[in-house]
PDB file of N, CA and C in Angstrom:
ATOM      1  N   MET A   1    -146.640 -92.396 173.134  1.00  0.00           N
ATOM      2  CA  MET A   1    -146.330 -93.784 172.836  1.00  0.00           C
ATOM      3  C   MET A   1    -147.479 -94.388 172.027  1.00  0.00           C
ATOM      4  N   ALA A   2    -147.174 -95.357 171.205  1.00  0.00           N
ATOM      5  CA  ALA A   2    -148.160 -95.993 170.335  1.00  0.00           C
ATOM      6  C   ALA A   2    -148.829 -97.173 171.045  1.00  0.00           C
ATOM      7  N   LEU A   3    -150.064 -97.463 170.637  1.00  0.00           N
ATOM      8  CA  LEU A   3    -150.773 -98.629 171.166  1.00  0.00           C
ATOM      9  C   LEU A   3    -150.076 -99.919 170.758  1.00  0.00           C
ATOM     10  N   PHE A   4    -149.487 -99.922 169.569  1.00  0.00           N
ATOM     11  CA  PHE A   4    -148.732-101.056 169.047  1.00  0.00           C
ATOM     12  C   PHE A   4    -147.742-100.502 168.033  1.00  0.00           C
ATOM     13  N   THR A   5    -146.643-101.226 167.854  1.00  0.00           N
ATOM     14  CA  THR A   5    -145.630-100.789 166.895  1.00  0.00           C
ATOM     15  C   THR A   5    -145.939-101.362 165.513  1.00  0.00           C
ATOM     16  N   LYS A   6    -145.252-100.837 164.532  1.00  0.00           N
ATOM     17  CA  LYS A   6    -145.403-101.346 163.168  1.00  0.00           C
ATOM     18  C   LYS A   6    -144.966-102.808 163.094  1.00  0.00           C
ATOM     19  N   ASP A   7    -143.897-103.157 163.794  1.00  0.00           N
ATOM     20  CA  ASP A   7    -143.420-104.543 163.807  1.00  0.00           C
ATOM     21  C   ASP A   7    -144.432-105.480 164.475  1.00  0.00           C
ATOM     22  N   GLN A   8    -145.066-105.014 165.553  1.00  0.00           N
ATOM     23  CA  GLN A   8    -146.080-105.837 166.211  1.00  0.00           C
ATOM     24  C   GLN A   8    -147.284-106.043 165.300  1.00  0.00           C
ATOM     25  N   LEU A   9    -147.707-104.984 164.607  1.00  0.00           N
ATOM     26  CA  LEU A   9    -148.816-105.110 163.669  1.00  0.00           C
ATOM     27  C   LEU A   9    -148.454-106.080 162.549  1.00  0.00           C
ATOM     28  N   ALA A  10    -147.264-105.954 162.000  1.00  0.00           N
ATOM     29  CA  ALA A  10    -146.830-106.843 160.922  1.00  0.00           C
ATOM     30  C   ALA A  10    -146.765-108.292 161.398  1.00  0.00           C
ATOM     31  N   ALA A  11    -146.265-108.511 162.600  1.00  0.00           N
ATOM     32  CA  ALA A  11    -146.199-109.872 163.136  1.00  0.00           C
ATOM     33  C   ALA A  11    -147.597-110.450 163.321  1.00  0.00           C
ATOM     34  N   TYR A  12    -148.517-109.645 163.788  1.00  0.00           N
ATOM     35  CA  TYR A  12    -149.896-110.104 163.993  1.00  0.00           C
ATOM     36  C   TYR A  12    -150.578-110.411 162.660  1.00  0.00           C
ATOM     37  N   LEU A  13    -150.274-109.608 161.642  1.00  0.00           N
ATOM     38  CA  LEU A  13    -150.839-109.826 160.311  1.00  0.00           C
ATOM     39  C   LEU A  13    -150.093-110.906 159.534  1.00  0.00           C
ATOM     40  N   GLN A  14    -148.936-111.331 160.062  1.00  0.00           N
ATOM     41  CA  GLN A  14    -148.088-112.315 159.405  1.00  0.00           C
ATOM     42  C   GLN A  14    -147.607-111.816 158.043  1.00  0.00           C
ATOM     43  N   VAL A  15    -147.140-110.556 158.016  1.00  0.00           N
ATOM     44  CA  VAL A  15    -146.589-109.963 156.802  1.00  0.00           C
ATOM     45  C   VAL A  15    -145.242-109.344 157.129  1.00  0.00           C
ATOM     46  N   ASP A  16    -144.484-109.057 156.089  1.00  0.00           N
ATOM     47  CA  ASP A  16    -143.201-108.379 156.247  1.00  0.00           C
ATOM     48  C   ASP A  16    -143.467-106.929 156.651  1.00  0.00           C
ATOM     49  N   PRO A  17    -142.798-106.422 157.689  1.00  0.00           N
ATOM     50  CA  PRO A  17    -143.021-105.034 158.096  1.00  0.00           C
ATOM     51  C   PRO A  17    -142.800-104.027 156.967  1.00  0.00           C
ATOM     52  N   ALA A  18    -141.922-104.356 156.035  1.00  0.00           N
ATOM     53  CA  ALA A  18    -141.662-103.455 154.909  1.00  0.00           C
ATOM     54  C   ALA A  18    -142.865-103.342 153.969  1.00  0.00           C
ATOM     55  N   SER A  19    -143.787-104.306 154.043  1.00  0.00           N
ATOM     56  CA  SER A  19    -144.954-104.270 153.164  1.00  0.00           C
ATOM     57  C   SER A  19    -146.035-103.317 153.669  1.00  0.00           C
ATOM     58  N   ILE A  20    -145.889-102.836 154.896  1.00  0.00           N
ATOM     59  CA  ILE A  20    -146.836-101.865 155.449  1.00  0.00           C
ATOM     60  C   ILE A  20    -146.188-100.483 155.381  1.00  0.00           C
ATOM     61  N   PRO A  21    -146.704 -99.609 154.538  1.00  0.00           N
ATOM     62  CA  PRO A  21    -146.127 -98.267 154.460  1.00  0.00           C
ATOM     63  C   PRO A  21    -146.245 -97.544 155.806  1.00  0.00           C
ATOM     64  N   ASP A  22    -145.249 -96.718 156.118  1.00  0.00           N
ATOM     65  CA  ASP A  22    -145.254 -95.990 157.389  1.00  0.00           C
ATOM     66  C   ASP A  22    -146.520 -95.162 157.563  1.00  0.00           C
ATOM     67  N   VAL A  23    -146.955 -94.516 156.491  1.00  0.00           N
ATOM     68  CA  VAL A  23    -148.150 -93.680 156.588  1.00  0.00           C
ATOM     69  C   VAL A  23    -149.393 -94.513 156.869  1.00  0.00           C
ATOM     70  N   THR A  24    -149.467 -95.715 156.324  1.00  0.00           N
ATOM     71  CA  THR A  24    -150.603 -96.600 156.590  1.00  0.00           C
ATOM     72  C   THR A  24    -150.612 -97.015 158.048  1.00  0.00           C
ATOM     73  N   TYR A  25    -149.447 -97.401 158.571  1.00  0.00           N
ATOM     74  CA  TYR A  25    -149.351 -97.762 159.990  1.00  0.00           C
ATOM     75  C   TYR A  25    -149.775 -96.590 160.871  1.00  0.00           C
ATOM     76  N   THR A  26    -149.299 -95.403 160.564  1.00  0.00           N
ATOM     77  CA  THR A  26    -149.612 -94.226 161.373  1.00  0.00           C
ATOM     78  C   THR A  26    -151.108 -93.933 161.373  1.00  0.00           C
ATOM     79  N   VAL A  27    -151.726 -93.982 160.199  1.00  0.00           N
ATOM     80  CA  VAL A  27    -153.160 -93.715 160.108  1.00  0.00           C
ATOM     81  C   VAL A  27    -153.953 -94.766 160.883  1.00  0.00           C
ATOM     82  N   ILE A  28    -153.599 -96.024 160.741  1.00  0.00           N
ATOM     83  CA  ILE A  28    -154.325 -97.090 161.445  1.00  0.00           C
ATOM     84  C   ILE A  28    -154.170 -96.929 162.952  1.00  0.00           C
ATOM     85  N   GLU A  29    -152.963 -96.696 163.432  1.00  0.00           N
ATOM     86  CA  GLU A  29    -152.734 -96.569 164.867  1.00  0.00           C
ATOM     87  C   GLU A  29    -153.486 -95.361 165.425  1.00  0.00           C
ATOM     88  N   GLU A  30    -153.443 -94.243 164.724  1.00  0.00           N
ATOM     89  CA  GLU A  30    -154.140 -93.039 165.192  1.00  0.00           C
ATOM     90  C   GLU A  30    -155.655 -93.215 165.157  1.00  0.00           C
ATOM     91  N   LYS A  31    -156.156 -93.897 164.144  1.00  0.00           N
ATOM     92  CA  LYS A  31    -157.597 -94.136 164.032  1.00  0.00           C
ATOM     93  C   LYS A  31    -158.080 -95.065 165.144  1.00  0.00           C
ATOM     94  N   VAL A  32    -157.347 -96.123 165.409  1.00  0.00           N
ATOM     95  CA  VAL A  32    -157.713 -97.041 166.488  1.00  0.00           C
ATOM     96  C   VAL A  32    -157.683 -96.308 167.828  1.00  0.00           C
ATOM     97  N   ARG A  33    -156.645 -95.514 168.048  1.00  0.00           N
ATOM     98  CA  ARG A  33    -156.529 -94.728 169.285  1.00  0.00           C
ATOM     99  C   ARG A  33    -157.743 -93.800 169.435  1.00  0.00           C
ATOM    100  N   ALA A  34    -158.096 -93.112 168.367  1.00  0.00           N
ATOM    101  CA  ALA A  34    -159.225 -92.178 168.417  1.00  0.00           C
ATOM    102  C   ALA A  34    -160.529 -92.898 168.739  1.00  0.00           C
ATOM    103  N   GLU A  35    -160.744 -94.070 168.136  1.00  0.00           N
ATOM    104  CA  GLU A  35    -161.976 -94.819 168.402  1.00  0.00           C
ATOM    105  C   GLU A  35    -162.044 -95.276 169.855  1.00  0.00           C
ATOM    106  N   ILE A  36    -160.928 -95.696 170.409  1.00  0.00           N
ATOM    107  CA  ILE A  36    -160.901 -96.118 171.811  1.00  0.00           C
ATOM    108  C   ILE A  36    -161.179 -94.931 172.719  1.00  0.00           C
ATOM    109  N   ILE A  37    -160.525 -93.806 172.455  1.00  0.00           N
ATOM    110  CA  ILE A  37    -160.730 -92.610 173.276  1.00  0.00           C
ATOM    111  C   ILE A  37    -162.163 -92.101 173.143  1.00  0.00           C
ATOM    112  N   ASN A  38    -162.726 -92.161 171.944  1.00  0.00           N
ATOM    113  CA  ASN A  38    -164.116 -91.746 171.763  1.00  0.00           C
ATOM    114  C   ASN A  38    -165.073 -92.594 172.587  1.00  0.00           C
ATOM    115  N   LEU A  39    -164.739 -93.837 172.798  1.00  0.00           N
ATOM    116  CA  LEU A  39    -165.601 -94.754 173.534  1.00  0.00           C
ATOM    117  C   LEU A  39    -165.503 -94.568 175.048  1.00  0.00           C
ATOM    118  N   VAL A  40    -164.286 -94.404 175.572  1.00  0.00           N
ATOM    119  CA  VAL A  40    -164.119 -94.353 177.030  1.00  0.00           C
ATOM    120  C   VAL A  40    -163.719 -92.982 177.563  1.00  0.00           C
ATOM    121  N   GLY A  41    -163.318 -92.073 176.696  1.00  0.00           N
ATOM    122  CA  GLY A  41    -162.894 -90.753 177.143  1.00  0.00           C
ATOM    123  C   GLY A  41    -161.394 -90.698 177.388  1.00  0.00           C
ATOM    124  N   GLN A  42    -160.844 -89.508 177.207  1.00  0.00           N
ATOM    125  CA  GLN A  42    -159.394 -89.315 177.347  1.00  0.00           C
ATOM    126  C   GLN A  42    -158.902 -89.633 178.758  1.00  0.00           C
ATOM    127  N   THR A  43    -159.641 -89.221 179.780  1.00  0.00           N
ATOM    128  CA  THR A  43    -159.199 -89.430 181.160  1.00  0.00           C
ATOM    129  C   THR A  43    -159.110 -90.909 181.498  1.00  0.00           C
ATOM    130  N   ARG A  44    -160.143 -91.676 181.155  1.00  0.00           N
ATOM    131  CA  ARG A  44    -160.110 -93.121 181.431  1.00  0.00           C
ATOM    132  C   ARG A  44    -159.020 -93.809 180.620  1.00  0.00           C
ATOM    133  N   PHE A  45    -158.836 -93.360 179.384  1.00  0.00           N
ATOM    134  CA  PHE A  45    -157.784 -93.919 178.538  1.00  0.00           C
ATOM    135  C   PHE A  45    -156.422 -93.698 179.184  1.00  0.00           C
ATOM    136  N   ASP A  46    -156.168 -92.462 179.614  1.00  0.00           N
ATOM    137  CA  ASP A  46    -154.882 -92.129 180.241  1.00  0.00           C
ATOM    138  C   ASP A  46    -154.688 -92.877 181.556  1.00  0.00           C
ATOM    139  N   ASN A  47    -155.743 -92.964 182.359  1.00  0.00           N
ATOM    140  CA  ASN A  47    -155.638 -93.640 183.656  1.00  0.00           C
ATOM    141  C   ASN A  47    -155.419 -95.140 183.521  1.00  0.00           C
ATOM    142  N   ALA A  48    -156.030 -95.753 182.518  1.00  0.00           N
ATOM    143  CA  ALA A  48    -155.889 -97.201 182.330  1.00  0.00           C
ATOM    144  C   ALA A  48    -154.492 -97.566 181.833  1.00  0.00           C
ATOM    145  N   GLY A  49    -153.917 -96.715 180.999  1.00  0.00           N
ATOM    146  CA  GLY A  49    -152.617 -97.027 180.405  1.00  0.00           C
ATOM    147  C   GLY A  49    -152.799 -97.753 179.077  1.00  0.00           C
ATOM    148  N   GLU A  50    -151.982 -97.394 178.120  1.00  0.00           N
ATOM    149  CA  GLU A  50    -152.121 -97.935 176.768  1.00  0.00           C
ATOM    150  C   GLU A  50    -151.960 -99.442 176.691  1.00  0.00           C
ATOM    151  N   ALA A  51    -151.155-100.017 177.565  1.00  0.00           N
ATOM    152  CA  ALA A  51    -150.888-101.458 177.514  1.00  0.00           C
ATOM    153  C   ALA A  51    -152.167-102.276 177.695  1.00  0.00           C
ATOM    154  N   LYS A  52    -153.136-101.759 178.436  1.00  0.00           N
ATOM    155  CA  LYS A  52    -154.382-102.505 178.658  1.00  0.00           C
ATOM    156  C   LYS A  52    -155.205-102.646 177.383  1.00  0.00           C
ATOM    157  N   PHE A  53    -154.991-101.757 176.411  1.00  0.00           N
ATOM    158  CA  PHE A  53    -155.768-101.778 175.177  1.00  0.00           C
ATOM    159  C   PHE A  53    -155.039-102.490 174.033  1.00  0.00           C
ATOM    160  N   PHE A  54    -153.859-103.032 174.308  1.00  0.00           N
ATOM    161  CA  PHE A  54    -153.008-103.617 173.272  1.00  0.00           C
ATOM    162  C   PHE A  54    -153.733-104.685 172.451  1.00  0.00           C
ATOM    163  N   SER A  55    -154.351-105.644 173.112  1.00  0.00           N
ATOM    164  CA  SER A  55    -154.978-106.761 172.412  1.00  0.00           C
ATOM    165  C   SER A  55    -156.126-106.319 171.515  1.00  0.00           C
ATOM    166  N   VAL A  56    -157.039-105.550 172.067  1.00  0.00           N
ATOM    167  CA  VAL A  56    -158.186-105.112 171.281  1.00  0.00           C
ATOM    168  C   VAL A  56    -157.743-104.130 170.195  1.00  0.00           C
ATOM    169  N   ALA A  57    -156.726-103.329 170.461  1.00  0.00           N
ATOM    170  CA  ALA A  57    -156.224-102.397 169.447  1.00  0.00           C
ATOM    171  C   ALA A  57    -155.645-103.147 168.256  1.00  0.00           C
ATOM    172  N   LEU A  58    -154.920-104.219 168.496  1.00  0.00           N
ATOM    173  CA  LEU A  58    -154.379-105.021 167.395  1.00  0.00           C
ATOM    174  C   LEU A  58    -155.492-105.692 166.596  1.00  0.00           C
ATOM    175  N   ASP A  59    -156.516-106.181 167.281  1.00  0.00           N
ATOM    176  CA  ASP A  59    -157.652-106.785 166.573  1.00  0.00           C
ATOM    177  C   ASP A  59    -158.355-105.761 165.690  1.00  0.00           C
ATOM    178  N   MET A  60    -158.542-104.555 166.219  1.00  0.00           N
ATOM    179  CA  MET A  60    -159.175-103.495 165.438  1.00  0.00           C
ATOM    180  C   MET A  60    -158.310-103.112 164.243  1.00  0.00           C
ATOM    181  N   ALA A  61    -157.002-103.020 164.460  1.00  0.00           N
ATOM    182  CA  ALA A  61    -156.077-102.663 163.386  1.00  0.00           C
ATOM    183  C   ALA A  61    -156.062-103.730 162.297  1.00  0.00           C
ATOM    184  N   LYS A  62    -156.116-104.985 162.712  1.00  0.00           N
ATOM    185  CA  LYS A  62    -156.135-106.077 161.734  1.00  0.00           C
ATOM    186  C   LYS A  62    -157.371-105.979 160.856  1.00  0.00           C
ATOM    187  N   ARG A  63    -158.523-105.760 161.482  1.00  0.00           N
ATOM    188  CA  ARG A  63    -159.764-105.639 160.715  1.00  0.00           C
ATOM    189  C   ARG A  63    -159.702-104.429 159.788  1.00  0.00           C
ATOM    190  N   MET A  64    -159.161-103.345 160.280  1.00  0.00           N
ATOM    191  CA  MET A  64    -159.062-102.136 159.472  1.00  0.00           C
ATOM    192  C   MET A  64    -158.101-102.334 158.298  1.00  0.00           C
ATOM    193  N   TYR A  65    -157.005-103.035 158.526  1.00  0.00           N
ATOM    194  CA  TYR A  65    -156.002-103.225 157.481  1.00  0.00           C
ATOM    195  C   TYR A  65    -156.452-104.250 156.446  1.00  0.00           C
ATOM    196  N   THR A  66    -157.028-105.350 156.899  1.00  0.00           N
ATOM    197  CA  THR A  66    -157.359-106.435 155.966  1.00  0.00           C
ATOM    198  C   THR A  66    -158.710-106.279 155.300  1.00  0.00           C
ATOM    199  N   ASN A  67    -159.621-105.517 155.903  1.00  0.00           N
ATOM    200  CA  ASN A  67    -160.954-105.367 155.310  1.00  0.00           C
ATOM    201  C   ASN A  67    -161.461-103.943 155.506  1.00  0.00           C
ATOM    202  N   ALA A  68    -160.712-103.008 155.006  1.00  0.00           N
ATOM    203  CA  ALA A  68    -161.059-101.594 155.198  1.00  0.00           C
ATOM    204  C   ALA A  68    -162.359-101.205 154.512  1.00  0.00           C
ATOM    205  N   SER A  69    -162.720-101.883 153.458  1.00  0.00           N
ATOM    206  CA  SER A  69    -163.930-101.520 152.715  1.00  0.00           C
ATOM    207  C   SER A  69    -165.186-102.196 153.244  1.00  0.00           C
ATOM    208  N   GLY A  70    -165.057-103.107 154.212  1.00  0.00           N
ATOM    209  CA  GLY A  70    -166.224-103.756 154.797  1.00  0.00           C
ATOM    210  C   GLY A  70    -166.797-104.886 153.967  1.00  0.00           C
ATOM    211  N   LEU A  71    -165.973-105.523 153.141  1.00  0.00           N
ATOM    212  CA  LEU A  71    -166.445-106.622 152.303  1.00  0.00           C
ATOM    213  C   LEU A  71    -166.990-107.748 153.174  1.00  0.00           C
ATOM    214  N   ARG A  72    -168.217-108.166 152.880  1.00  0.00           N
ATOM    215  CA  ARG A  72    -168.864-109.212 153.664  1.00  0.00           C
ATOM    216  C   ARG A  72    -168.853-110.554 152.949  1.00  0.00           C
ATOM    217  N   SER A  73    -169.079-110.549 151.644  1.00  0.00           N
ATOM    218  CA  SER A  73    -169.055-111.815 150.913  1.00  0.00           C
ATOM    219  C   SER A  73    -168.702-111.569 149.454  1.00  0.00           C
ATOM    220  N   ARG A  74    -168.244-112.635 148.810  1.00  0.00           N
ATOM    221  CA  ARG A  74    -167.849-112.577 147.406  1.00  0.00           C
ATOM    222  C   ARG A  74    -168.355-113.834 146.712  1.00  0.00           C
ATOM    223  N   GLN A  75    -168.904-113.666 145.531  1.00  0.00           N
ATOM    224  CA  GLN A  75    -169.382-114.802 144.741  1.00  0.00           C
ATOM    225  C   GLN A  75    -168.790-114.663 143.349  1.00  0.00           C
ATOM    226  N   GLU A  76    -168.251-115.737 142.825  1.00  0.00           N
ATOM    227  CA  GLU A  76    -167.660-115.711 141.489  1.00  0.00           C
ATOM    228  C   GLU A  76    -168.210-116.870 140.676  1.00  0.00           C
ATOM    229  N   THR A  77    -168.386-116.659 139.398  1.00  0.00           N
ATOM    230  CA  THR A  77    -168.814-117.694 138.473  1.00  0.00           C
ATOM    231  C   THR A  77    -167.807-117.730 137.334  1.00  0.00           C
ATOM    232  N   ILE A  78    -167.395-118.892 136.925  1.00  0.00           N
ATOM    233  CA  ILE A  78    -166.382-119.017 135.883  1.00  0.00           C
ATOM    234  C   ILE A  78    -166.979-118.795 134.492  1.00  0.00           C
ATOM    235  N   ASP A  79    -167.950-119.595 134.092  1.00  0.00           N
ATOM    236  CA  ASP A  79    -168.558-119.443 132.772  1.00  0.00           C
ATOM    237  C   ASP A  79    -169.412-118.179 132.732  1.00  0.00           C
ATOM    238  N   ASP A  80    -169.304-117.431 131.659  1.00  0.00           N
ATOM    239  CA  ASP A  80    -170.007-116.162 131.482  1.00  0.00           C
ATOM    240  C   ASP A  80    -169.653-115.142 132.557  1.00  0.00           C
ATOM    241  N   TYR A  81    -168.554-115.304 133.204  1.00  0.00           N
ATOM    242  CA  TYR A  81    -167.987-114.456 134.234  1.00  0.00           C
ATOM    243  C   TYR A  81    -169.000-113.585 134.979  1.00  0.00           C
ATOM    244  N   THR A  82    -169.275-113.945 136.193  1.00  0.00           N
ATOM    245  CA  THR A  82    -170.114-113.168 137.099  1.00  0.00           C
ATOM    246  C   THR A  82    -169.340-112.995 138.394  1.00  0.00           C
ATOM    247  N   GLN A  83    -169.328-111.805 138.906  1.00  0.00           N
ATOM    248  CA  GLN A  83    -168.685-111.557 140.187  1.00  0.00           C
ATOM    249  C   GLN A  83    -169.595-110.656 141.006  1.00  0.00           C
ATOM    250  N   THR A  84    -169.936-111.084 142.213  1.00  0.00           N
ATOM    251  CA  THR A  84    -170.794-110.302 143.092  1.00  0.00           C
ATOM    252  C   THR A  84    -170.049-110.055 144.394  1.00  0.00           C
ATOM    253  N   LEU A  85    -169.919-108.813 144.747  1.00  0.00           N
ATOM    254  CA  LEU A  85    -169.290-108.433 146.009  1.00  0.00           C
ATOM    255  C   LEU A  85    -170.356-107.791 146.883  1.00  0.00           C
ATOM    256  N   THR A  86    -170.453-108.223 148.124  1.00  0.00           N
ATOM    257  CA  THR A  86    -171.417-107.658 149.054  1.00  0.00           C
ATOM    258  C   THR A  86    -170.657-106.981 150.186  1.00  0.00           C
ATOM    259  N   TYR A  87    -170.982-105.726 150.412  1.00  0.00           N
ATOM    260  CA  TYR A  87    -170.326-104.951 151.465  1.00  0.00           C
ATOM    261  C   TYR A  87    -171.274-104.774 152.643  1.00  0.00           C
ATOM    262  N   ALA A  88    -170.732-104.369 153.771  1.00  0.00           N
ATOM    263  CA  ALA A  88    -171.539-104.163 154.971  1.00  0.00           C
ATOM    264  C   ALA A  88    -172.626-103.130 154.722  1.00  0.00           C
ATOM    265  N   SER A  89    -172.379-102.182 153.863  1.00  0.00           N
ATOM    266  CA  SER A  89    -173.390-101.223 153.438  1.00  0.00           C
ATOM    267  C   SER A  89    -173.058-100.821 152.007  1.00  0.00           C
ATOM    268  N   GLU A  90    -173.967-100.165 151.349  1.00  0.00           N
ATOM    269  CA  GLU A  90    -173.730 -99.798 149.952  1.00  0.00           C
ATOM    270  C   GLU A  90    -172.660 -98.724 149.813  1.00  0.00           C
ATOM    271  N   THR A  91    -172.464 -97.949 150.848  1.00  0.00           N
ATOM    272  CA  THR A  91    -171.375 -96.976 150.850  1.00  0.00           C
ATOM    273  C   THR A  91    -170.403 -97.386 151.940  1.00  0.00           C
ATOM    274  N   VAL A  92    -169.166 -97.012 151.784  1.00  0.00           N
ATOM    275  CA  VAL A  92    -168.168 -97.370 152.780  1.00  0.00           C
ATOM    276  C   VAL A  92    -168.494 -96.631 154.074  1.00  0.00           C
ATOM    277  N   ALA A  93    -168.749 -97.375 155.108  1.00  0.00           N
ATOM    278  CA  ALA A  93    -169.116 -96.798 156.399  1.00  0.00           C
ATOM    279  C   ALA A  93    -167.860 -96.433 157.181  1.00  0.00           C
ATOM    280  N   PRO A  94    -167.992 -95.519 158.117  1.00  0.00           N
ATOM    281  CA  PRO A  94    -166.832 -95.187 158.945  1.00  0.00           C
ATOM    282  C   PRO A  94    -166.424 -96.388 159.788  1.00  0.00           C
ATOM    283  N   PHE A  95    -165.158 -96.478 160.086  1.00  0.00           N
ATOM    284  CA  PHE A  95    -164.638 -97.575 160.899  1.00  0.00           C
ATOM    285  C   PHE A  95    -165.106 -97.387 162.330  1.00  0.00           C
ATOM    286  N   GLU A  96    -165.777 -98.372 162.873  1.00  0.00           N
ATOM    287  CA  GLU A  96    -166.250 -98.325 164.247  1.00  0.00           C
ATOM    288  C   GLU A  96    -165.959 -99.659 164.917  1.00  0.00           C
ATOM    289  N   PRO A  97    -165.708 -99.629 166.221  1.00  0.00           N
ATOM    290  CA  PRO A  97    -165.482-100.889 166.933  1.00  0.00           C
ATOM    291  C   PRO A  97    -166.738-101.752 166.929  1.00  0.00           C
ATOM    292  N   THR A  98    -166.558-103.050 166.814  1.00  0.00           N
ATOM    293  CA  THR A  98    -167.687-103.976 166.906  1.00  0.00           C
ATOM    294  C   THR A  98    -168.197-103.988 168.351  1.00  0.00           C
ATOM    295  N   LEU A  99    -169.350-104.606 168.581  1.00  0.00           N
ATOM    296  CA  LEU A  99    -169.881-104.684 169.944  1.00  0.00           C
ATOM    297  C   LEU A  99    -168.930-105.435 170.871  1.00  0.00           C
ATOM    298  N   ASP A 100    -168.310-106.499 170.370  1.00  0.00           N
ATOM    299  CA  ASP A 100    -167.342-107.237 171.182  1.00  0.00           C
ATOM    300  C   ASP A 100    -166.131-106.364 171.494  1.00  0.00           C
ATOM    301  N   GLU A 101    -165.645-105.620 170.508  1.00  0.00           N
ATOM    302  CA  GLU A 101    -164.506-104.730 170.745  1.00  0.00           C
ATOM    303  C   GLU A 101    -164.874-103.637 171.743  1.00  0.00           C
ATOM    304  N   GLN A 102    -166.087-103.116 171.643  1.00  0.00           N
ATOM    305  CA  GLN A 102    -166.529-102.096 172.599  1.00  0.00           C
ATOM    306  C   GLN A 102    -166.537-102.656 174.014  1.00  0.00           C
ATOM    307  N   ARG A 103    -167.012-103.879 174.173  1.00  0.00           N
ATOM    308  CA  ARG A 103    -167.029-104.525 175.489  1.00  0.00           C
ATOM    309  C   ARG A 103    -165.613-104.682 176.032  1.00  0.00           C
ATOM    310  N   ARG A 104    -164.702-105.122 175.167  1.00  0.00           N
ATOM    311  CA  ARG A 104    -163.313-105.326 175.586  1.00  0.00           C
ATOM    312  C   ARG A 104    -162.634-104.000 175.936  1.00  0.00           C
ATOM    313  N   ILE A 105    -162.944-102.949 175.179  1.00  0.00           N
ATOM    314  CA  ILE A 105    -162.367-101.625 175.462  1.00  0.00           C
ATOM    315  C   ILE A 105    -162.870-101.115 176.805  1.00  0.00           C
ATOM    316  N   ARG A 106    -164.162-101.234 177.042  1.00  0.00           N
ATOM    317  CA  ARG A 106    -164.726-100.774 178.318  1.00  0.00           C
ATOM    318  C   ARG A 106    -164.122-101.544 179.498  1.00  0.00           C
ATOM    319  N   ARG A 107    -163.962-102.842 179.315  1.00  0.00           N
ATOM    320  CA  ARG A 107    -163.376-103.653 180.385  1.00  0.00           C
ATOM    321  C   ARG A 107    -161.930-103.250 180.647  1.00  0.00           C
ATOM    322  N   ALA A 108    -161.168-102.989 179.583  1.00  0.00           N
ATOM    323  CA  ALA A 108    -159.776-102.567 179.735  1.00  0.00           C
ATOM    324  C   ALA A 108    -159.678-101.209 180.431  1.00  0.00           C
ATOM    325  N   ALA A 109    -160.692-100.366 180.245  1.00  0.00           N
ATOM    326  CA  ALA A 109    -160.701 -99.037 180.867  1.00  0.00           C
ATOM    327  C   ALA A 109    -161.222 -99.082 182.298  1.00  0.00           C
ATOM    328  N   GLY A 110    -161.603-100.278 182.760  1.00  0.00           N
ATOM    329  CA  GLY A 110    -162.092-100.414 184.122  1.00  0.00           C
ATOM    330  C   GLY A 110    -163.580-100.217 184.260  1.00  0.00           C
ATOM    331  N   LEU A 111    -164.292-100.186 183.148  1.00  0.00           N
ATOM    332  CA  LEU A 111    -165.748-100.035 183.175  1.00  0.00           C
ATOM    333  C   LEU A 111    -166.380-101.415 183.121  1.00  0.00           C
ATOM    334  N   LYS A 112    -166.536-102.026 184.263  1.00  0.00           N
ATOM    335  CA  LYS A 112    -167.077-103.384 184.320  1.00  0.00           C
ATOM    336  C   LYS A 112    -168.531-103.420 183.890  1.00  0.00           C
ATOM    337  N   GLY A 113    -169.314-102.418 184.286  1.00  0.00           N
ATOM    338  CA  GLY A 113    -170.671-102.282 183.782  1.00  0.00           C
ATOM    339  C   GLY A 113    -171.675-103.273 184.314  1.00  0.00           C
ATOM    340  N   ALA A 114    -171.619-103.625 185.583  1.00  0.00           N
ATOM    341  CA  ALA A 114    -172.599-104.560 186.126  1.00  0.00           C
ATOM    342  C   ALA A 114    -174.015-104.023 186.001  1.00  0.00           C
ATOM    343  N   PHE A 115    -174.174-102.727 186.144  1.00  0.00           N
ATOM    344  CA  PHE A 115    -175.497-102.135 186.059  1.00  0.00           C
ATOM    345  C   PHE A 115    -175.571-101.094 184.953  1.00  0.00           C
ATOM    346  N   SER A 116    -174.683-101.187 183.981  1.00  0.00           N
ATOM    347  CA  SER A 116    -174.691-100.237 182.875  1.00  0.00           C
ATOM    348  C   SER A 116    -175.753-100.624 181.865  1.00  0.00           C
ATOM    349  N   ILE A 117    -176.380 -99.625 181.310  1.00  0.00           N
ATOM    350  CA  ILE A 117    -177.362 -99.841 180.256  1.00  0.00           C
ATOM    351  C   ILE A 117    -176.803 -99.216 178.993  1.00  0.00           C
ATOM    352  N   ARG A 118    -176.684-100.014 177.953  1.00  0.00           N
ATOM    353  CA  ARG A 118    -176.199 -99.515 176.673  1.00  0.00           C
ATOM    354  C   ARG A 118    -177.379 -99.435 175.724  1.00  0.00           C
ATOM    355  N   ILE A 119    -177.590 -98.276 175.136  1.00  0.00           N
ATOM    356  CA  ILE A 119    -178.644 -98.115 174.154  1.00  0.00           C
ATOM    357  C   ILE A 119    -178.007 -98.233 172.794  1.00  0.00           C
ATOM    358  N   LEU A 120    -178.472 -99.191 172.023  1.00  0.00           N
ATOM    359  CA  LEU A 120    -177.945 -99.418 170.701  1.00  0.00           C
ATOM    360  C   LEU A 120    -178.890 -98.789 169.680  1.00  0.00           C
ATOM    361  N   ALA A 121    -178.342 -98.033 168.754  1.00  0.00           N
ATOM    362  CA  ALA A 121    -179.149 -97.340 167.766  1.00  0.00           C
ATOM    363  C   ALA A 121    -180.010 -98.320 166.969  1.00  0.00           C
ATOM    364  N   ASP A 122    -179.510 -99.518 166.726  1.00  0.00           N
ATOM    365  CA  ASP A 122    -180.248-100.509 165.949  1.00  0.00           C
ATOM    366  C   ASP A 122    -181.491-101.012 166.673  1.00  0.00           C
ATOM    367  N   ASP A 123    -181.491-100.920 168.016  1.00  0.00           N
ATOM    368  CA  ASP A 123    -182.615-101.408 168.795  1.00  0.00           C
ATOM    369  C   ASP A 123    -183.726-100.384 168.950  1.00  0.00           C
ATOM    370  N   CYS A 124    -183.477 -99.151 168.599  1.00  0.00           N
ATOM    371  CA  CYS A 124    -184.464 -98.093 168.749  1.00  0.00           C
ATOM    372  C   CYS A 124    -185.380 -98.055 167.534  1.00  0.00           C
ATOM    373  N   PRO A 125    -186.689 -97.818 167.741  1.00  0.00           N
ATOM    374  CA  PRO A 125    -187.602 -97.763 166.602  1.00  0.00           C
ATOM    375  C   PRO A 125    -187.405 -96.517 165.770  1.00  0.00           C
TER     376      PRO A 125
END
């Protein structure tokens, strides 16, 4: 079973379902599923049930669909035409859940984490 249907994704994005190619929907759903399973493990994912991840999965899918390249800001100038696009990194980075999404995924999997310690790569010297 899917985390969300193509119609649910289209409704959340406020677009016509026909505007989302089937292959795009399939890739997004499978990628979101893989990221969730990578975070909590297959056993916790199966035990929690897919319905618990519905909300965060749709948020992840929306971000993946609407901003797949990681565009952070855009600047345009009319005279002498200047356009500056700033991305999250100079190369397209792999799609990863944000810290908030990771928290929501862990909570949905039953990992409350009162005494959990998360080591973030950015915090390490």
